Amino acid sequence: MRPLFLRIFDVKPYLSQGVFRELRNSVIFQSVKPVLGSIQWQNGQDFCPDTLYLESKRLRKLQQKTVKARQRGLHA
């Protein structure tokens, strides 16, 4: 099994562009939900999974027990 890593994606560079400007409102920004391997906000703004992966930064390697717990829907 290949190692899994926790990653972080910075939305800030997008907040001055087109439909993403609306996300500067914290209430709207906090409406984000996971959808089909991506994320989406209440008014339809989203990022494709490729963008999230390619433009994110690796933070740390996840422990196997953490990965297995998350797969079962538990928080470790």
PDB file of N, CA and C in Angstrom:
ATOM      1  N   MET A   1       0.841  -1.178   0.000  1.00  0.00           N
ATOM      2  CA  MET A   1       0.000   0.000   0.000  1.00  0.00           C
ATOM      3  C   MET A   1       0.886   1.242   0.000  1.00  0.00           C
ATOM      4  N   ARG A   2       0.579   2.181  -0.887  1.00  0.00           N
ATOM      5  CA  ARG A   2       1.408   3.391  -0.923  1.00  0.00           C
ATOM      6  C   ARG A   2       1.008   4.346   0.196  1.00  0.00           C
ATOM      7  N   PRO A   3       1.956   5.109   0.675  1.00  0.00           N
ATOM      8  CA  PRO A   3       1.666   6.022   1.787  1.00  0.00           C
ATOM      9  C   PRO A   3       0.692   7.132   1.378  1.00  0.00           C
ATOM     10  N   LEU A   4      -0.123   7.563   2.328  1.00  0.00           N
ATOM     11  CA  LEU A   4      -1.051   8.669   2.108  1.00  0.00           C
ATOM     12  C   LEU A   4      -0.568   9.875   2.893  1.00  0.00           C
ATOM     13  N   PHE A   5      -0.787  11.052   2.323  1.00  0.00           N
ATOM     14  CA  PHE A   5      -0.322  12.284   2.952  1.00  0.00           C
ATOM     15  C   PHE A   5      -1.466  13.263   3.133  1.00  0.00           C
ATOM     16  N   LEU A   6      -1.440  13.984   4.235  1.00  0.00           N
ATOM     17  CA  LEU A   6      -2.362  15.081   4.470  1.00  0.00           C
ATOM     18  C   LEU A   6      -1.863  16.248   3.634  1.00  0.00           C
ATOM     19  N   ARG A   7      -2.768  16.891   2.888  1.00  0.00           N
ATOM     20  CA  ARG A   7      -2.384  17.991   2.010  1.00  0.00           C
ATOM     21  C   ARG A   7      -3.240  19.210   2.335  1.00  0.00           C
ATOM     22  N   ILE A   8      -2.755  20.399   1.968  1.00  0.00           N
ATOM     23  CA  ILE A   8      -3.506  21.637   2.174  1.00  0.00           C
ATOM     24  C   ILE A   8      -3.551  22.414   0.858  1.00  0.00           C
ATOM     25  N   PHE A   9      -4.731  22.959   0.564  1.00  0.00           N
ATOM     26  CA  PHE A   9      -4.952  23.722  -0.659  1.00  0.00           C
ATOM     27  C   PHE A   9      -5.278  25.158  -0.271  1.00  0.00           C
ATOM     28  N   ASP A  10      -4.571  26.118  -0.840  1.00  0.00           N
ATOM     29  CA  ASP A  10      -4.771  27.537  -0.541  1.00  0.00           C
ATOM     30  C   ASP A  10      -5.734  28.145  -1.555  1.00  0.00           C
ATOM     31  N   VAL A  11      -6.902  28.566  -1.091  1.00  0.00           N
ATOM     32  CA  VAL A  11      -7.930  29.149  -1.950  1.00  0.00           C
ATOM     33  C   VAL A  11      -7.659  30.635  -2.224  1.00  0.00           C
ATOM     34  N   LYS A  12      -6.863  31.278  -1.395  1.00  0.00           N
ATOM     35  CA  LYS A  12      -6.656  32.731  -1.491  1.00  0.00           C
ATOM     36  C   LYS A  12      -6.376  33.252  -2.897  1.00  0.00           C
ATOM     37  N   PRO A  13      -5.520  32.615  -3.683  1.00  0.00           N
ATOM     38  CA  PRO A  13      -5.237  33.158  -5.015  1.00  0.00           C
ATOM     39  C   PRO A  13      -6.476  33.232  -5.925  1.00  0.00           C
ATOM     40  N   TYR A  14      -7.503  32.495  -5.617  1.00  0.00           N
ATOM     41  CA  TYR A  14      -8.715  32.466  -6.443  1.00  0.00           C
ATOM     42  C   TYR A  14      -9.772  33.470  -6.006  1.00  0.00           C
ATOM     43  N   LEU A  15      -9.653  34.002  -4.798  1.00  0.00           N
ATOM     44  CA  LEU A  15     -10.716  34.823  -4.222  1.00  0.00           C
ATOM     45  C   LEU A  15     -10.940  36.160  -4.919  1.00  0.00           C
ATOM     46  N   SER A  16     -10.060  36.543  -5.815  1.00  0.00           N
ATOM     47  CA  SER A  16     -10.249  37.794  -6.554  1.00  0.00           C
ATOM     48  C   SER A  16     -10.706  37.526  -7.990  1.00  0.00           C
ATOM     49  N   GLN A  17     -11.049  36.274  -8.302  1.00  0.00           N
ATOM     50  CA  GLN A  17     -11.400  35.898  -9.669  1.00  0.00           C
ATOM     51  C   GLN A  17     -12.849  35.446  -9.792  1.00  0.00           C
ATOM     52  N   GLY A  18     -13.566  36.034 -10.713  1.00  0.00           N
ATOM     53  CA  GLY A  18     -14.892  35.576 -11.121  1.00  0.00           C
ATOM     54  C   GLY A  18     -15.811  35.131 -10.004  1.00  0.00           C
ATOM     55  N   VAL A  19     -16.369  33.927 -10.163  1.00  0.00           N
ATOM     56  CA  VAL A  19     -17.361  33.409  -9.209  1.00  0.00           C
ATOM     57  C   VAL A  19     -16.780  33.169  -7.823  1.00  0.00           C
ATOM     58  N   PHE A  20     -15.470  33.088  -7.719  1.00  0.00           N
ATOM     59  CA  PHE A  20     -14.845  32.828  -6.423  1.00  0.00           C
ATOM     60  C   PHE A  20     -14.825  34.061  -5.512  1.00  0.00           C
ATOM     61  N   ARG A  21     -15.065  35.250  -6.074  1.00  0.00           N
ATOM     62  CA  ARG A  21     -15.103  36.477  -5.248  1.00  0.00           C
ATOM     63  C   ARG A  21     -16.116  36.357  -4.117  1.00  0.00           C
ATOM     64  N   GLU A  22     -17.214  35.696  -4.400  1.00  0.00           N
ATOM     65  CA  GLU A  22     -18.282  35.530  -3.408  1.00  0.00           C
ATOM     66  C   GLU A  22     -17.796  34.778  -2.165  1.00  0.00           C
ATOM     67  N   LEU A  23     -16.740  33.981  -2.308  1.00  0.00           N
ATOM     68  CA  LEU A  23     -16.226  33.195  -1.194  1.00  0.00           C
ATOM     69  C   LEU A  23     -15.476  34.036  -0.161  1.00  0.00           C
ATOM     70  N   ARG A  24     -15.287  35.321  -0.444  1.00  0.00           N
ATOM     71  CA  ARG A  24     -14.680  36.211   0.548  1.00  0.00           C
ATOM     72  C   ARG A  24     -15.628  36.434   1.721  1.00  0.00           C
ATOM     73  N   ASN A  25     -16.913  36.173   1.515  1.00  0.00           N
ATOM     74  CA  ASN A  25     -17.901  36.229   2.591  1.00  0.00           C
ATOM     75  C   ASN A  25     -17.717  34.961   3.429  1.00  0.00           C
ATOM     76  N   SER A  26     -17.379  35.105   4.709  1.00  0.00           N
ATOM     77  CA  SER A  26     -17.042  33.941   5.542  1.00  0.00           C
ATOM     78  C   SER A  26     -18.208  32.961   5.701  1.00  0.00           C
ATOM     79  N   VAL A  27     -19.439  33.462   5.718  1.00  0.00           N
ATOM     80  CA  VAL A  27     -20.599  32.570   5.841  1.00  0.00           C
ATOM     81  C   VAL A  27     -20.693  31.662   4.611  1.00  0.00           C
ATOM     82  N   ILE A  28     -20.519  32.247   3.444  1.00  0.00           N
ATOM     83  CA  ILE A  28     -20.556  31.455   2.211  1.00  0.00           C
ATOM     84  C   ILE A  28     -19.344  30.527   2.148  1.00  0.00           C
ATOM     85  N   PHE A  29     -18.167  31.028   2.521  1.00  0.00           N
ATOM     86  CA  PHE A  29     -16.963  30.198   2.483  1.00  0.00           C
ATOM     87  C   PHE A  29     -17.120  28.955   3.355  1.00  0.00           C
ATOM     88  N   GLN A  30     -17.729  29.119   4.513  1.00  0.00           N
ATOM     89  CA  GLN A  30     -17.887  28.004   5.443  1.00  0.00           C
ATOM     90  C   GLN A  30     -18.958  27.002   5.011  1.00  0.00           C
ATOM     91  N   SER A  31     -19.651  27.266   3.917  1.00  0.00           N
ATOM     92  CA  SER A  31     -20.667  26.331   3.426  1.00  0.00           C
ATOM     93  C   SER A  31     -20.061  25.207   2.582  1.00  0.00           C
ATOM     94  N   VAL A  32     -18.747  25.132   2.490  1.00  0.00           N
ATOM     95  CA  VAL A  32     -18.069  24.135   1.659  1.00  0.00           C
ATOM     96  C   VAL A  32     -18.404  22.710   2.108  1.00  0.00           C
ATOM     97  N   LYS A  33     -18.566  21.835   1.129  1.00  0.00           N
ATOM     98  CA  LYS A  33     -18.873  20.418   1.378  1.00  0.00           C
ATOM     99  C   LYS A  33     -18.063  19.558   0.410  1.00  0.00           C
ATOM    100  N   PRO A  34     -17.689  18.346   0.832  1.00  0.00           N
ATOM    101  CA  PRO A  34     -17.036  17.425  -0.102  1.00  0.00           C
ATOM    102  C   PRO A  34     -18.062  16.875  -1.094  1.00  0.00           C
ATOM    103  N   VAL A  35     -17.689  16.809  -2.375  1.00  0.00           N
ATOM    104  CA  VAL A  35     -18.564  16.284  -3.422  1.00  0.00           C
ATOM    105  C   VAL A  35     -17.710  15.518  -4.436  1.00  0.00           C
ATOM    106  N   LEU A  36     -17.913  14.218  -4.524  1.00  0.00           N
ATOM    107  CA  LEU A  36     -17.278  13.382  -5.550  1.00  0.00           C
ATOM    108  C   LEU A  36     -15.772  13.616  -5.696  1.00  0.00           C
ATOM    109  N   GLY A  37     -15.055  13.557  -4.598  1.00  0.00           N
ATOM    110  CA  GLY A  37     -13.605  13.718  -4.641  1.00  0.00           C
ATOM    111  C   GLY A  37     -13.142  15.155  -4.767  1.00  0.00           C
ATOM    112  N   SER A  38     -14.053  16.095  -4.616  1.00  0.00           N
ATOM    113  CA  SER A  38     -13.733  17.502  -4.741  1.00  0.00           C
ATOM    114  C   SER A  38     -14.409  18.254  -3.596  1.00  0.00           C
ATOM    115  N   ILE A  39     -14.510  19.575  -3.740  1.00  0.00           N
ATOM    116  CA  ILE A  39     -15.241  20.397  -2.777  1.00  0.00           C
ATOM    117  C   ILE A  39     -16.141  21.349  -3.545  1.00  0.00           C
ATOM    118  N   GLN A  40     -17.269  21.720  -2.915  1.00  0.00           N
ATOM    119  CA  GLN A  40     -18.216  22.621  -3.571  1.00  0.00           C
ATOM    120  C   GLN A  40     -18.888  23.490  -2.515  1.00  0.00           C
ATOM    121  N   TRP A  41     -19.165  24.733  -2.892  1.00  0.00           N
ATOM    122  CA  TRP A  41     -19.850  25.667  -2.008  1.00  0.00           C
ATOM    123  C   TRP A  41     -21.319  25.754  -2.379  1.00  0.00           C
ATOM    124  N   GLN A  42     -22.110  26.368  -1.497  1.00  0.00           N
ATOM    125  CA  GLN A  42     -23.570  26.419  -1.644  1.00  0.00           C
ATOM    126  C   GLN A  42     -24.043  27.052  -2.948  1.00  0.00           C
ATOM    127  N   ASN A  43     -23.266  27.945  -3.523  1.00  0.00           N
ATOM    128  CA  ASN A  43     -23.698  28.609  -4.758  1.00  0.00           C
ATOM    129  C   ASN A  43     -23.045  28.020  -6.004  1.00  0.00           C
ATOM    130  N   GLY A  44     -22.453  26.833  -5.857  1.00  0.00           N
ATOM    131  CA  GLY A  44     -21.947  26.109  -7.009  1.00  0.00           C
ATOM    132  C   GLY A  44     -20.472  26.243  -7.325  1.00  0.00           C
ATOM    133  N   GLN A  45     -19.738  27.110  -6.629  1.00  0.00           N
ATOM    134  CA  GLN A  45     -18.312  27.210  -6.881  1.00  0.00           C
ATOM    135  C   GLN A  45     -17.670  25.875  -6.495  1.00  0.00           C
ATOM    136  N   ASP A  46     -16.700  25.443  -7.299  1.00  0.00           N
ATOM    137  CA  ASP A  46     -16.011  24.203  -6.980  1.00  0.00           C
ATOM    138  C   ASP A  46     -14.628  24.180  -7.604  1.00  0.00           C
ATOM    139  N   PHE A  47     -13.846  23.211  -7.185  1.00  0.00           N
ATOM    140  CA  PHE A  47     -12.529  22.951  -7.765  1.00  0.00           C
ATOM    141  C   PHE A  47     -12.511  21.499  -8.202  1.00  0.00           C
ATOM    142  N   CYS A  48     -11.904  21.232  -9.340  1.00  0.00           N
ATOM    143  CA  CYS A  48     -11.809  19.845  -9.787  1.00  0.00           C
ATOM    144  C   CYS A  48     -10.763  19.129  -8.921  1.00  0.00           C
ATOM    145  N   PRO A  49     -10.896  17.815  -8.769  1.00  0.00           N
ATOM    146  CA  PRO A  49      -9.942  17.064  -7.948  1.00  0.00           C
ATOM    147  C   PRO A  49      -8.491  17.244  -8.398  1.00  0.00           C
ATOM    148  N   ASP A  50      -8.253  17.357  -9.705  1.00  0.00           N
ATOM    149  CA  ASP A  50      -6.884  17.546 -10.194  1.00  0.00           C
ATOM    150  C   ASP A  50      -6.281  18.844  -9.680  1.00  0.00           C
ATOM    151  N   THR A  51      -7.058  19.917  -9.698  1.00  0.00           N
ATOM    152  CA  THR A  51      -6.574  21.211  -9.204  1.00  0.00           C
ATOM    153  C   THR A  51      -6.254  21.114  -7.720  1.00  0.00           C
ATOM    154  N   LEU A  52      -7.155  20.499  -6.961  1.00  0.00           N
ATOM    155  CA  LEU A  52      -6.922  20.359  -5.523  1.00  0.00           C
ATOM    156  C   LEU A  52      -5.626  19.605  -5.247  1.00  0.00           C
ATOM    157  N   TYR A  53      -5.380  18.544  -5.994  1.00  0.00           N
ATOM    158  CA  TYR A  53      -4.175  17.748  -5.760  1.00  0.00           C
ATOM    159  C   TYR A  53      -2.914  18.465  -6.256  1.00  0.00           C
ATOM    160  N   LEU A  54      -2.942  18.908  -7.491  1.00  0.00           N
ATOM    161  CA  LEU A  54      -1.741  19.486  -8.098  1.00  0.00           C
ATOM    162  C   LEU A  54      -1.302  20.797  -7.458  1.00  0.00           C
ATOM    163  N   GLU A  55      -2.250  21.570  -6.960  1.00  0.00           N
ATOM    164  CA  GLU A  55      -1.906  22.870  -6.373  1.00  0.00           C
ATOM    165  C   GLU A  55      -1.867  22.848  -4.847  1.00  0.00           C
ATOM    166  N   SER A  56      -2.019  21.674  -4.262  1.00  0.00           N
ATOM    167  CA  SER A  56      -1.934  21.574  -2.807  1.00  0.00           C
ATOM    168  C   SER A  56      -0.498  21.263  -2.388  1.00  0.00           C
ATOM    169  N   LYS A  57      -0.244  21.451  -1.115  1.00  0.00           N
ATOM    170  CA  LYS A  57       1.081  21.178  -0.564  1.00  0.00           C
ATOM    171  C   LYS A  57       0.960  20.029   0.439  1.00  0.00           C
ATOM    172  N   ARG A  58       1.942  19.160   0.408  1.00  0.00           N
ATOM    173  CA  ARG A  58       1.949  18.027   1.332  1.00  0.00           C
ATOM    174  C   ARG A  58       2.350  18.509   2.718  1.00  0.00           C
ATOM    175  N   LEU A  59       1.565  18.135   3.731  1.00  0.00           N
ATOM    176  CA  LEU A  59       1.871  18.530   5.100  1.00  0.00           C
ATOM    177  C   LEU A  59       2.595  17.436   5.860  1.00  0.00           C
ATOM    178  N   ARG A  60       1.991  16.239   5.888  1.00  0.00           N
ATOM    179  CA  ARG A  60       2.625  15.141   6.624  1.00  0.00           C
ATOM    180  C   ARG A  60       2.040  13.812   6.184  1.00  0.00           C
ATOM    181  N   LYS A  61       2.786  12.772   6.453  1.00  0.00           N
ATOM    182  CA  LYS A  61       2.343  11.421   6.147  1.00  0.00           C
ATOM    183  C   LYS A  61       1.320  10.993   7.193  1.00  0.00           C
ATOM    184  N   LEU A  62       0.236  10.370   6.751  1.00  0.00           N
ATOM    185  CA  LEU A  62      -0.773   9.862   7.671  1.00  0.00           C
ATOM    186  C   LEU A  62      -0.369   8.483   8.166  1.00  0.00           C
ATOM    187  N   GLN A  63      -0.621   8.226   9.422  1.00  0.00           N
ATOM    188  CA  GLN A  63      -0.357   6.915   9.995  1.00  0.00           C
ATOM    189  C   GLN A  63      -1.380   5.915   9.481  1.00  0.00           C
ATOM    190  N   GLN A  64      -1.002   4.670   9.300  1.00  0.00           N
ATOM    191  CA  GLN A  64      -1.911   3.653   8.777  1.00  0.00           C
ATOM    192  C   GLN A  64      -3.184   3.538   9.606  1.00  0.00           C
ATOM    193  N   LYS A  65      -3.091   3.592  10.948  1.00  0.00           N
ATOM    194  CA  LYS A  65      -4.293   3.457  11.777  1.00  0.00           C
ATOM    195  C   LYS A  65      -5.241   4.635  11.556  1.00  0.00           C
ATOM    196  N   THR A  66      -4.704   5.823  11.302  1.00  0.00           N
ATOM    197  CA  THR A  66      -5.530   6.991  11.005  1.00  0.00           C
ATOM    198  C   THR A  66      -6.249   6.813   9.681  1.00  0.00           C
ATOM    199  N   VAL A  67      -5.538   6.317   8.681  1.00  0.00           N
ATOM    200  CA  VAL A  67      -6.125   6.094   7.364  1.00  0.00           C
ATOM    201  C   VAL A  67      -7.252   5.082   7.465  1.00  0.00           C
ATOM    202  N   LYS A  68      -7.015   3.969   8.151  1.00  0.00           N
ATOM    203  CA  LYS A  68      -8.037   2.925   8.284  1.00  0.00           C
ATOM    204  C   LYS A  68      -9.253   3.442   9.040  1.00  0.00           C
ATOM    205  N   ALA A  69      -9.052   4.234  10.085  1.00  0.00           N
ATOM    206  CA  ALA A  69     -10.172   4.792  10.846  1.00  0.00           C
ATOM    207  C   ALA A  69     -10.990   5.734   9.982  1.00  0.00           C
ATOM    208  N   ARG A  70     -10.332   6.549   9.179  1.00  0.00           N
ATOM    209  CA  ARG A  70     -11.054   7.475   8.305  1.00  0.00           C
ATOM    210  C   ARG A  70     -11.839   6.726   7.240  1.00  0.00           C
ATOM    211  N   GLN A  71     -11.295   5.622   6.748  1.00  0.00           N
ATOM    212  CA  GLN A  71     -11.998   4.834   5.767  1.00  0.00           C
ATOM    213  C   GLN A  71     -13.269   4.231   6.357  1.00  0.00           C
ATOM    214  N   ARG A  72     -13.244   3.929   7.661  1.00  0.00           N
ATOM    215  CA  ARG A  72     -14.424   3.384   8.331  1.00  0.00           C
ATOM    216  C   ARG A  72     -15.360   4.500   8.802  1.00  0.00           C
ATOM    217  N   GLY A  73     -14.965   5.756   8.611  1.00  0.00           N
ATOM    218  CA  GLY A  73     -15.798   6.879   9.019  1.00  0.00           C
ATOM    219  C   GLY A  73     -15.579   7.313  10.451  1.00  0.00           C
ATOM    220  N   LEU A  74     -14.504   6.860  11.049  1.00  0.00           N
ATOM    221  CA  LEU A  74     -14.173   7.238  12.421  1.00  0.00           C
ATOM    222  C   LEU A  74     -13.118   8.318  12.418  1.00  0.00           C
ATOM    223  N   HIS A  75     -13.045   9.074  13.494  1.00  0.00           N
ATOM    224  CA  HIS A  75     -12.006  10.100  13.622  1.00  0.00           C
ATOM    225  C   HIS A  75     -10.962   9.582  14.593  1.00  0.00           C
ATOM    226  N   ALA A  76      -9.720   9.599  14.162  1.00  0.00           N
ATOM    227  CA  ALA A  76      -8.636   9.119  15.030  1.00  0.00           C
ATOM    228  C   ALA A  76      -7.871  10.281  15.613  1.00  0.00           C
TER     229      ALA A  76
END
